[in-house]
């Protein structure tokens, strides 16, 4: 299974959108737990943050014959400087 989450905007809006996207993704274990832990980290990282933020997160789990071989994931949170409203 592969999954991805992305959003760009004001921190509070990105936090809400990312939470919505993470919650909509259903994975097999242990990928589900890994994804949920990443969602918790994003939520914590964006608490009481101001400014414009971009999030990109993705992951996948590889299995062979029902046995989990590996999980990989990447996540970036970047502040967008110089954003004009």
C-alpha atoms as a PDB file:
ATOM      1  CA  UNK A   1       0.000   0.000   0.000  1.00  0.00           C
ATOM      2  CA  UNK A   2       1.181   3.506  -0.731  1.00  0.00           C
ATOM      3  CA  UNK A   3      -0.186   6.753   0.640  1.00  0.00           C
ATOM      4  CA  UNK A   4       0.468  10.495   0.448  1.00  0.00           C
ATOM      5  CA  UNK A   5      -0.617  13.698   2.142  1.00  0.00           C
ATOM      6  CA  UNK A   6       0.010  17.231   0.893  1.00  0.00           C
ATOM      7  CA  UNK A   7      -1.225  20.746   1.579  1.00  0.00           C
ATOM      8  CA  UNK A   8      -0.022  24.336   1.510  1.00  0.00           C
ATOM      9  CA  UNK A   9      -1.532  27.303   3.328  1.00  0.00           C
ATOM     10  CA  UNK A  10      -1.839  28.921   6.727  1.00  0.00           C
ATOM     11  CA  UNK A  11      -0.581  26.631   9.470  1.00  0.00           C
ATOM     12  CA  UNK A  12      -3.973  26.060  11.136  1.00  0.00           C
ATOM     13  CA  UNK A  13      -5.586  25.165   7.813  1.00  0.00           C
ATOM     14  CA  UNK A  14      -2.722  22.861   6.840  1.00  0.00           C
ATOM     15  CA  UNK A  15      -2.934  21.166  10.244  1.00  0.00           C
ATOM     16  CA  UNK A  16      -6.661  20.512   9.767  1.00  0.00           C
ATOM     17  CA  UNK A  17      -6.322  19.362   6.154  1.00  0.00           C
ATOM     18  CA  UNK A  18      -3.414  17.045   6.940  1.00  0.00           C
ATOM     19  CA  UNK A  19      -5.370  15.492   9.835  1.00  0.00           C
ATOM     20  CA  UNK A  20      -8.321  14.926   7.500  1.00  0.00           C
ATOM     21  CA  UNK A  21      -6.114  13.330   4.843  1.00  0.00           C
ATOM     22  CA  UNK A  22      -4.238  11.107   7.308  1.00  0.00           C
ATOM     23  CA  UNK A  23      -7.545   9.921   8.818  1.00  0.00           C
ATOM     24  CA  UNK A  24      -8.965   8.993   5.393  1.00  0.00           C
ATOM     25  CA  UNK A  25      -6.041   6.654   4.622  1.00  0.00           C
ATOM     26  CA  UNK A  26      -6.416   3.056   5.796  1.00  0.00           C
ATOM     27  CA  UNK A  27      -3.399   0.733   5.726  1.00  0.00           C
ATOM     28  CA  UNK A  28      -2.459  -2.729   6.914  1.00  0.00           C
ATOM     29  CA  UNK A  29      -0.392  -3.032  10.077  1.00  0.00           C
ATOM     30  CA  UNK A  30       2.214  -1.998  10.943  1.00  0.00           C
ATOM     31  CA  UNK A  31       1.912   0.709   8.254  1.00  0.00           C
ATOM     32  CA  UNK A  32      -1.328   2.019   9.816  1.00  0.00           C
ATOM     33  CA  UNK A  33       0.391   2.632  13.157  1.00  0.00           C
ATOM     34  CA  UNK A  34       3.400   4.257  11.466  1.00  0.00           C
ATOM     35  CA  UNK A  35       1.110   6.598   9.471  1.00  0.00           C
ATOM     36  CA  UNK A  36      -0.845   7.496  12.607  1.00  0.00           C
ATOM     37  CA  UNK A  37       2.364   8.296  14.526  1.00  0.00           C
ATOM     38  CA  UNK A  38       3.439  10.580  11.675  1.00  0.00           C
ATOM     39  CA  UNK A  39       0.021  12.276  11.807  1.00  0.00           C
ATOM     40  CA  UNK A  40       0.508  12.849  15.550  1.00  0.00           C
ATOM     41  CA  UNK A  41       3.950  14.374  14.887  1.00  0.00           C
ATOM     42  CA  UNK A  42       2.492  16.744  12.268  1.00  0.00           C
ATOM     43  CA  UNK A  43      -0.294  17.766  14.636  1.00  0.00           C
ATOM     44  CA  UNK A  44       2.223  18.525  17.382  1.00  0.00           C
ATOM     45  CA  UNK A  45       4.603  20.335  15.033  1.00  0.00           C
ATOM     46  CA  UNK A  46       1.843  22.659  13.798  1.00  0.00           C
ATOM     47  CA  UNK A  47       0.340  23.469  17.197  1.00  0.00           C
ATOM     48  CA  UNK A  48       0.434  27.228  17.850  1.00  0.00           C
ATOM     49  CA  UNK A  49       2.385  27.864  14.621  1.00  0.00           C
ATOM     50  CA  UNK A  50       1.798  30.979  12.566  1.00  0.00           C
ATOM     51  CA  UNK A  51       2.659  31.522   8.943  1.00  0.00           C
ATOM     52  CA  UNK A  52       2.318  29.627   5.704  1.00  0.00           C
ATOM     53  CA  UNK A  53       3.316  25.971   5.736  1.00  0.00           C
ATOM     54  CA  UNK A  54       3.733  23.280   3.113  1.00  0.00           C
ATOM     55  CA  UNK A  55       3.485  19.617   4.044  1.00  0.00           C
ATOM     56  CA  UNK A  56       4.463  16.649   1.913  1.00  0.00           C
ATOM     57  CA  UNK A  57       4.231  13.186   3.426  1.00  0.00           C
ATOM     58  CA  UNK A  58       4.204   9.755   1.863  1.00  0.00           C
ATOM     59  CA  UNK A  59       4.828   6.154   2.729  1.00  0.00           C
ATOM     60  CA  UNK A  60       4.544   2.592   1.589  1.00  0.00           C
ATOM     61  CA  UNK A  61       4.808  -0.903   2.929  1.00  0.00           C
ATOM     62  CA  UNK A  62       6.273  -3.788   0.982  1.00  0.00           C
ATOM     63  CA  UNK A  63       5.217  -7.326   1.759  1.00  0.00           C
ATOM     64  CA  UNK A  64       6.150 -10.653   0.247  1.00  0.00           C
ATOM     65  CA  UNK A  65       3.903 -13.648   0.841  1.00  0.00           C
ATOM     66  CA  UNK A  66       2.096 -11.800   3.625  1.00  0.00           C
ATOM     67  CA  UNK A  67       5.342 -11.052   5.454  1.00  0.00           C
ATOM     68  CA  UNK A  68       6.286  -7.401   5.933  1.00  0.00           C
ATOM     69  CA  UNK A  69       9.664  -6.836   4.305  1.00  0.00           C
ATOM     70  CA  UNK A  70       9.992  -3.089   4.938  1.00  0.00           C
ATOM     71  CA  UNK A  71       8.215   0.233   5.457  1.00  0.00           C
ATOM     72  CA  UNK A  72       9.426   3.522   4.117  1.00  0.00           C
ATOM     73  CA  UNK A  73       8.198   7.054   4.633  1.00  0.00           C
ATOM     74  CA  UNK A  74       9.172  10.658   4.050  1.00  0.00           C
ATOM     75  CA  UNK A  75       7.755  13.783   5.573  1.00  0.00           C
ATOM     76  CA  UNK A  76       8.644  17.445   5.178  1.00  0.00           C
ATOM     77  CA  UNK A  77       7.159  20.538   6.771  1.00  0.00           C
ATOM     78  CA  UNK A  78       8.458  23.798   5.351  1.00  0.00           C
ATOM     79  CA  UNK A  79       7.591  27.353   6.174  1.00  0.00           C
ATOM     80  CA  UNK A  80       6.962  29.432   3.068  1.00  0.00           C
ATOM     81  CA  UNK A  81       8.721  32.767   3.558  1.00  0.00           C
ATOM     82  CA  UNK A  82       7.690  35.945   1.790  1.00  0.00           C
ATOM     83  CA  UNK A  83       4.082  34.839   1.314  1.00  0.00           C
ATOM     84  CA  UNK A  84       1.877  37.833   0.460  1.00  0.00           C
ATOM     85  CA  UNK A  85      -1.856  37.914   1.104  1.00  0.00           C
END
